[in-house]
Amino acid sequence: MNSFKGFQKGVNLGGWISQFKEYDTRHFETFITEKDIADIASLGFDHVRVPVDYNVLEDEEGIEITGGFEYLEHCRQWCEKYGLNMLIDLHECYGYSFDPLKKGMDRRKFFYDQALQERFFSLWKKIAERFASYPDQVAFEPLNEVVLFEVKDAWNAVLTKYIKLMRSIAPGSYIVVGGVFYNSVMTVKDLDVPVDDRIVYNFHCYEPTVFTHQGAYWQENMPLDFRTVYPKSVAEYRELHEKIYCDRDSAIFMDGLTDMGPGFFERIFEPALEKARRDGVAIYCGEYGVIDKADNESKIRWLEDISAAFGKYGIGHALWNYKEKDFGLVDSRFESIRQRFIKDINGTM
């Protein structure tokens, strides 16, 4: 299995030029600065994952916004100065968003609409043309978190076209692709795309969700006052999940799970790892983390366990999130365990 070189321990810059409260150039210019990139490098990270929404890069008519690309270029320059790599993640494209707070969004249409896809490919062509000359520093991720299981085959078709386009412009760059159901680790096995030694399979991991997203206001069935700890037994988390979400779709229901701990993560990663080995590609966890509402001792135990599994299999990863978005590494809630976390991730690589 290949290694995602230079992208082994990272952090997300969510909330900067993606998932912002309102389109505000002052926010874009001040939320993440050179100082933040210097601080990230000083903590021992080797890369940043940079979510960006299409409306920072182009207007509603598809006309390029030059200043939006400058945010990405400034970030790349800062990363170069401080020895970091950069993954550009299109977090939202014209016609599609994973965001559960966007209640009216048709999350199926994009995958069957040629005009929307052409708009998507056109934007990616512009991104690739700007950053293809940095193949070891800048990697590309086509779209964040495809929600619906039912678009699996259509998503594979979009990814196949995307890879072909990107390889015509950026033949040496890493391309990071994930499956459906919010980039679940369970759906990596369903990827069916052209592969080469610079393709990377990607998943997100927030298992068990009832722990990592306790009290999350954006989850429709989650009580705002719900709290739980880590670790509990697999059976207890299953019971809580069914009670709150009324489904059994989570990886917590996979066969062969026993106790919580590093072994839990190793087990739920197994099918994705096997798919990556079989296809000869690297694998990467682009998001993982625990909401700030969780108690810190539970949070650090969860982070230690998942980090141990990452380390055992050499899985590159990026913590969600650097600042704010209810998960911030540098926020006051995380402060008392930050150094323990940094010591742990630096010790697993």
Protein backbone atom coordinates (compact mmCIF):
# COMPACT_ATOMS: atom_id res chain seq x y z
CA MET A 1 0.00 0.00 0.00
CA ASN A 2 1.34 3.41 -0.95
CA SER A 3 1.92 6.20 1.54
CA PHE A 4 0.41 9.68 1.22
CA LYS A 5 3.80 11.35 1.49
CA GLY A 6 3.88 14.70 3.22
CA PHE A 7 0.26 14.37 4.37
CA GLN A 8 0.59 12.22 7.46
CA LYS A 9 -0.53 14.57 10.23
CA GLY A 10 -2.59 17.63 9.46
CA VAL A 11 -5.35 19.91 10.58
CA ASN A 12 -8.37 21.41 8.82
CA LEU A 13 -8.84 25.13 8.25
CA GLY A 14 -12.64 24.86 8.31
CA GLY A 15 -14.62 28.05 8.82
CA TRP A 16 -12.16 30.22 6.90
CA ILE A 17 -13.13 30.21 3.21
CA SER A 18 -15.78 27.54 3.71
CA GLN A 19 -18.75 27.31 6.06
CA PHE A 20 -18.34 30.96 7.03
CA LYS A 21 -21.22 32.85 8.61
CA GLU A 22 -21.45 35.37 5.76
CA TYR A 23 -19.43 36.38 2.73
CA ASP A 24 -17.08 38.91 4.29
CA THR A 25 -13.65 39.83 2.90
CA ARG A 26 -12.51 41.04 6.30
CA HIS A 27 -13.21 37.59 7.71
CA PHE A 28 -11.31 35.93 4.85
CA GLU A 29 -8.33 38.22 5.41
CA THR A 30 -8.14 37.80 9.20
CA PHE A 31 -9.50 34.38 10.23
CA ILE A 32 -6.42 32.54 8.95
CA THR A 33 -3.15 34.45 8.55
CA GLU A 34 0.53 33.65 8.14
CA LYS A 35 0.84 33.49 11.92
CA ASP A 36 -1.67 30.63 12.07
CA ILE A 37 0.28 28.65 9.49
CA ALA A 38 3.51 29.27 11.42
CA ASP A 39 1.81 28.08 14.62
CA ILE A 40 0.49 24.93 12.91
CA ALA A 41 3.97 24.11 11.66
CA SER A 42 5.45 24.69 15.13
CA LEU A 43 3.07 22.08 16.59
CA GLY A 44 4.52 19.37 14.36
CA PHE A 45 1.84 19.11 11.67
CA ASP A 46 2.99 18.48 8.10
CA HIS A 47 -0.04 19.76 6.17
CA VAL A 48 -3.30 21.66 6.23
CA ARG A 49 -6.55 20.62 4.60
CA VAL A 50 -8.16 23.77 3.20
CA PRO A 51 -11.92 23.56 2.65
CA VAL A 52 -13.11 26.18 0.16
CA ASP A 53 -16.62 26.89 -1.12
CA TYR A 54 -17.22 27.60 -4.80
CA ASN A 55 -18.69 31.06 -4.09
CA VAL A 56 -15.30 32.27 -2.83
CA LEU A 57 -13.77 31.38 -6.20
CA GLU A 58 -16.61 32.25 -8.61
CA ASP A 59 -19.86 34.18 -8.58
CA GLU A 60 -23.31 32.72 -9.17
CA GLU A 61 -22.83 33.07 -12.93
CA GLY A 62 -19.58 31.15 -12.83
CA ILE A 63 -17.36 34.20 -13.35
CA GLU A 64 -14.01 33.90 -11.59
CA ILE A 65 -13.41 35.91 -8.41
CA THR A 66 -9.70 36.68 -8.57
CA GLY A 67 -9.43 37.51 -4.89
CA GLY A 68 -10.76 34.09 -3.94
CA PHE A 69 -7.89 32.34 -5.66
CA GLU A 70 -5.51 34.72 -3.91
CA TYR A 71 -6.58 33.33 -0.52
CA LEU A 72 -5.52 29.89 -1.69
CA GLU A 73 -2.27 31.17 -3.18
CA HIS A 74 -1.37 33.12 -0.03
CA CYS A 75 -2.00 29.98 2.02
CA ARG A 76 0.22 27.97 -0.32
CA GLN A 77 3.01 30.55 0.01
CA TRP A 78 2.76 30.54 3.79
CA CYS A 79 2.81 26.74 3.80
CA GLU A 80 5.89 26.75 1.58
CA LYS A 81 7.63 29.19 3.92
CA TYR A 82 6.97 27.03 6.98
CA GLY A 83 7.44 23.62 5.37
CA LEU A 84 3.81 22.52 5.16
CA ASN A 85 1.82 20.85 2.40
CA MET A 86 -1.73 21.77 1.45
CA LEU A 87 -4.82 19.82 0.41
CA ILE A 88 -7.39 21.91 -1.45
CA ASP A 89 -10.86 20.52 -0.69
CA LEU A 90 -13.84 21.88 -2.62
CA HIS A 91 -16.23 21.78 0.30
CA GLU A 92 -19.28 22.95 -1.64
CA CYS A 93 -19.83 23.32 -5.39
CA TYR A 94 -22.50 25.09 -7.39
CA GLY A 95 -25.56 22.86 -7.12
CA TYR A 96 -24.40 20.67 -4.24
CA SER A 97 -23.76 20.94 -0.52
CA PHE A 98 -23.44 18.31 2.20
CA ASP A 99 -24.47 20.89 4.82
CA PRO A 100 -27.46 19.57 6.81
CA LEU A 101 -28.41 23.13 7.73
CA LYS A 102 -29.25 23.81 4.06
CA LYS A 103 -32.64 22.18 4.35
CA GLY A 104 -33.86 22.86 0.80
CA MET A 105 -30.82 21.41 -0.96
CA ASP A 106 -31.48 18.67 -3.52
CA ARG A 107 -28.53 16.39 -2.77
CA ARG A 108 -29.24 14.09 -5.71
CA LYS A 109 -29.48 16.46 -8.67
CA PHE A 110 -25.79 17.31 -9.15
CA PHE A 111 -24.87 13.68 -9.79
CA TYR A 112 -27.23 13.42 -12.78
CA ASP A 113 -27.14 16.97 -14.15
CA GLN A 114 -24.62 17.52 -16.95
CA ALA A 115 -24.75 21.33 -16.74
CA LEU A 116 -23.95 21.32 -13.02
CA GLN A 117 -21.12 18.88 -13.59
CA GLU A 118 -19.65 20.97 -16.40
CA ARG A 119 -19.66 23.94 -14.03
CA PHE A 120 -17.86 21.77 -11.46
CA PHE A 121 -15.23 20.60 -13.97
CA SER A 122 -14.71 24.16 -15.21
CA LEU A 123 -13.93 25.39 -11.71
CA TRP A 124 -11.57 22.50 -11.07
CA LYS A 125 -9.77 23.20 -14.34
CA LYS A 126 -9.03 26.71 -13.06
CA ILE A 127 -7.82 25.39 -9.70
CA ALA A 128 -5.62 22.75 -11.30
CA GLU A 129 -4.05 25.19 -13.75
CA ARG A 130 -2.97 27.40 -10.86
CA PHE A 131 -1.54 24.72 -8.60
CA ALA A 132 -0.40 21.86 -10.86
CA SER A 133 3.17 23.13 -10.76
CA TYR A 134 3.42 22.18 -7.05
CA PRO A 135 2.78 18.42 -7.27
CA ASP A 136 4.54 17.55 -4.02
CA GLN A 137 3.05 20.41 -2.04
CA VAL A 138 -0.55 20.80 -3.22
CA ALA A 139 -3.07 17.95 -3.41
CA PHE A 140 -6.65 18.07 -4.68
CA GLU A 141 -9.93 16.75 -3.24
CA PRO A 142 -12.89 17.05 -5.64
CA LEU A 143 -15.86 17.41 -3.28
CA ASN A 144 -16.57 17.07 0.42
CA GLU A 145 -18.95 14.43 1.75
CA VAL A 146 -21.37 13.02 -0.80
CA VAL A 147 -24.40 12.35 1.38
CA LEU A 148 -26.65 9.83 -0.38
CA PHE A 149 -25.96 6.10 -0.74
CA GLU A 150 -28.10 5.99 -3.87
CA VAL A 151 -25.74 8.13 -5.99
CA LYS A 152 -22.79 5.75 -5.55
CA ASP A 153 -22.52 4.75 -9.21
CA ALA A 154 -23.13 8.28 -10.48
CA TRP A 155 -20.43 9.57 -8.11
CA ASN A 156 -17.96 7.02 -9.45
CA ALA A 157 -18.75 8.27 -12.97
CA VAL A 158 -18.13 11.90 -11.91
CA LEU A 159 -14.88 10.91 -10.20
CA THR A 160 -13.69 9.05 -13.29
CA LYS A 161 -14.20 12.17 -15.43
CA TYR A 162 -12.62 14.33 -12.74
CA ILE A 163 -9.49 12.18 -12.54
CA LYS A 164 -9.15 12.20 -16.33
CA LEU A 165 -9.45 16.00 -16.39
CA MET A 166 -7.00 16.54 -13.55
CA ARG A 167 -4.46 14.13 -14.98
CA SER A 168 -4.48 16.12 -18.24
CA ILE A 169 -3.44 19.23 -16.29
CA ALA A 170 -1.75 17.95 -13.14
CA PRO A 171 -0.25 14.54 -13.97
CA GLY A 172 1.97 14.41 -10.89
CA SER A 173 -0.37 15.76 -8.21
CA TYR A 174 -2.09 13.74 -5.50
CA ILE A 175 -5.85 13.36 -5.99
CA VAL A 176 -7.84 12.44 -2.88
CA VAL A 177 -11.20 10.72 -3.43
CA GLY A 178 -13.80 9.41 -1.00
CA GLY A 179 -17.02 7.42 -1.04
CA VAL A 180 -20.64 8.26 -0.30
CA PHE A 181 -22.60 8.53 2.97
CA TYR A 182 -20.64 11.53 4.24
CA ASN A 183 -17.32 10.01 3.15
CA SER A 184 -17.90 7.04 5.41
CA VAL A 185 -15.08 4.57 6.01
CA MET A 186 -17.67 1.89 5.13
CA THR A 187 -18.01 3.14 1.53
CA VAL A 188 -14.35 3.30 0.49
CA LYS A 189 -14.81 -0.27 -0.77
CA ASP A 190 -17.41 1.00 -3.27
CA LEU A 191 -15.01 3.33 -5.08
CA ASP A 192 -14.53 2.33 -8.72
CA VAL A 193 -12.19 4.84 -10.34
CA PRO A 194 -8.95 4.87 -12.38
CA VAL A 195 -5.97 4.54 -10.04
CA ASP A 196 -2.29 5.39 -10.18
CA ASP A 197 0.40 5.93 -7.56
CA ARG A 198 -0.88 9.44 -6.83
CA ILE A 199 -4.50 8.51 -6.14
CA VAL A 200 -5.45 8.48 -2.45
CA TYR A 201 -8.60 6.97 -0.93
CA ASN A 202 -10.17 9.22 1.69
CA PHE A 203 -12.62 8.74 4.54
CA HIS A 204 -13.89 10.71 7.52
CA CYS A 205 -14.24 9.17 10.97
CA TYR A 206 -16.42 10.43 13.80
CA GLU A 207 -17.35 7.05 15.27
CA PRO A 208 -19.22 6.56 17.50
CA THR A 209 -21.22 9.56 16.29
CA VAL A 210 -23.29 9.81 19.46
CA PHE A 211 -20.06 10.55 21.33
CA THR A 212 -18.23 12.82 18.85
CA HIS A 213 -21.38 14.80 17.97
CA GLN A 214 -23.13 14.89 21.34
CA GLY A 215 -25.38 17.93 21.58
CA ALA A 216 -24.66 18.96 17.97
CA TYR A 217 -27.23 21.57 16.93
CA TRP A 218 -26.95 20.72 13.23
CA GLN A 219 -27.99 17.09 13.66
CA GLU A 220 -31.74 16.87 13.34
CA ASN A 221 -32.47 14.23 15.99
CA MET A 222 -29.67 15.05 18.43
CA PRO A 223 -30.93 16.55 21.74
CA LEU A 224 -28.96 19.70 22.54
CA ASP A 225 -28.51 18.61 26.15
CA PHE A 226 -27.39 15.04 25.37
CA ARG A 227 -24.02 14.11 26.90
CA THR A 228 -22.05 10.88 27.03
CA VAL A 229 -18.50 9.73 27.71
CA TYR A 230 -15.78 7.63 26.08
CA PRO A 231 -15.25 4.77 26.34
CA LYS A 232 -18.52 2.94 26.81
CA SER A 233 -19.23 -0.53 25.49
CA VAL A 234 -20.08 -1.12 21.83
CA ALA A 235 -23.54 -2.30 22.95
CA GLU A 236 -24.17 0.92 24.87
CA TYR A 237 -23.19 3.10 21.90
CA ARG A 238 -25.39 1.01 19.59
CA GLU A 239 -28.35 1.46 21.92
CA LEU A 240 -27.79 5.22 22.14
CA HIS A 241 -27.39 5.51 18.36
CA GLU A 242 -30.63 3.68 17.64
CA LYS A 243 -32.51 5.72 20.23
CA ILE A 244 -31.32 9.07 18.87
CA TYR A 245 -30.92 8.50 15.12
CA CYS A 246 -33.48 5.70 14.66
CA ASP A 247 -31.22 3.79 12.25
CA ARG A 248 -28.39 1.25 12.15
CA ASP A 249 -26.35 2.89 9.37
CA SER A 250 -23.27 3.71 11.45
CA ALA A 251 -19.99 1.79 11.50
CA ILE A 252 -20.71 1.08 15.17
CA PHE A 253 -23.01 -1.69 13.85
CA MET A 254 -20.31 -3.46 11.83
CA ASP A 255 -19.77 -7.15 12.62
CA GLY A 256 -16.81 -8.21 14.69
CA LEU A 257 -16.68 -5.26 17.06
CA THR A 258 -15.88 -6.01 20.67
CA ASP A 259 -14.46 -3.41 23.06
CA MET A 260 -13.86 0.24 22.36
CA GLY A 261 -10.21 1.24 22.00
CA PRO A 262 -7.61 1.21 19.20
CA GLY A 263 -8.92 -2.20 18.12
CA PHE A 264 -12.34 -0.74 17.43
CA PHE A 265 -10.87 1.70 14.93
CA GLU A 266 -8.60 -0.94 13.43
CA ARG A 267 -11.67 -3.13 12.79
CA ILE A 268 -13.82 -0.45 11.16
CA PHE A 269 -10.83 0.63 9.01
CA GLU A 270 -10.18 -2.94 7.77
CA PRO A 271 -12.40 -2.98 4.63
CA ALA A 272 -11.06 0.41 3.51
CA LEU A 273 -7.47 -0.67 4.11
CA GLU A 274 -8.03 -3.87 2.16
CA LYS A 275 -9.49 -1.91 -0.77
CA ALA A 276 -6.48 0.44 -0.74
CA ARG A 277 -4.03 -2.47 -0.61
CA ARG A 278 -5.80 -4.25 -3.44
CA ASP A 279 -5.75 -1.14 -5.64
CA GLY A 280 -2.22 -0.13 -4.66
CA VAL A 281 -3.14 3.33 -3.39
CA ALA A 282 -2.62 5.32 -0.20
CA ILE A 283 -5.39 5.92 2.31
CA TYR A 284 -6.16 9.05 4.32
CA CYS A 285 -8.62 10.27 6.96
CA GLY A 286 -9.48 13.83 5.97
CA GLU A 287 -11.58 14.58 9.04
CA TYR A 288 -11.80 13.23 12.57
CA GLY A 289 -12.44 14.91 15.91
CA VAL A 290 -14.70 15.41 18.92
CA ILE A 291 -17.16 18.24 19.55
CA ASP A 292 -16.19 20.76 22.21
CA LYS A 293 -19.21 19.80 24.34
CA ALA A 294 -17.59 16.46 25.25
CA ASP A 295 -15.61 16.33 28.47
CA ASN A 296 -11.89 16.70 27.84
CA GLU A 297 -10.74 13.43 29.40
CA SER A 298 -13.13 11.47 27.21
CA LYS A 299 -12.01 13.53 24.24
CA ILE A 300 -8.31 12.81 24.76
CA ARG A 301 -8.96 9.08 25.26
CA TRP A 302 -10.84 8.96 21.94
CA LEU A 303 -8.10 10.92 20.17
CA GLU A 304 -5.40 8.66 21.63
CA ASP A 305 -7.23 5.53 20.46
CA ILE A 306 -7.87 6.67 16.90
CA SER A 307 -4.32 8.08 16.65
CA ALA A 308 -2.94 4.68 17.67
CA ALA A 309 -4.87 3.04 14.81
CA PHE A 310 -3.66 5.68 12.35
CA GLY A 311 -0.10 5.08 13.48
CA LYS A 312 -0.33 1.29 13.23
CA TYR A 313 -1.40 1.42 9.57
CA GLY A 314 0.38 4.62 8.48
CA ILE A 315 -2.90 6.38 7.72
CA GLY A 316 -2.42 10.10 7.08
CA HIS A 317 -5.00 12.24 8.81
CA ALA A 318 -6.26 15.79 9.38
CA LEU A 319 -7.95 16.84 12.61
CA TRP A 320 -11.23 18.72 12.42
CA ASN A 321 -10.67 21.55 13.22
CA TYR A 322 -7.93 24.16 13.80
CA LYS A 323 -10.16 27.01 14.93
CA GLU A 324 -13.82 27.21 15.94
CA LYS A 325 -16.58 25.22 14.14
CA ASP A 326 -17.33 23.55 17.52
CA PHE A 327 -14.14 21.45 17.31
CA GLY A 328 -11.29 23.97 17.51
CA LEU A 329 -7.81 22.80 18.51
CA VAL A 330 -6.77 26.30 19.54
CA ASP A 331 -10.03 27.18 21.30
CA SER A 332 -10.13 27.58 25.07
CA ARG A 333 -12.15 24.40 25.63
CA PHE A 334 -9.33 22.27 24.16
CA GLU A 335 -6.55 24.12 25.96
CA SER A 336 -6.02 21.82 28.93
CA ILE A 337 -5.42 18.73 26.73
CA ARG A 338 -3.79 20.35 23.69
CA GLN A 339 -0.22 19.45 24.56
CA ARG A 340 -1.20 15.86 25.37
CA PHE A 341 -2.83 15.61 21.95
CA ILE A 342 0.17 17.14 20.15
CA LYS A 343 2.56 14.79 21.98
CA ASP A 344 0.36 11.85 21.03
CA ILE A 345 0.10 12.58 17.29
CA ASN A 346 3.79 13.38 17.05
CA GLY A 347 4.58 10.13 18.82
CA THR A 348 2.57 7.97 16.40
CA MET A 349 4.45 9.02 13.27
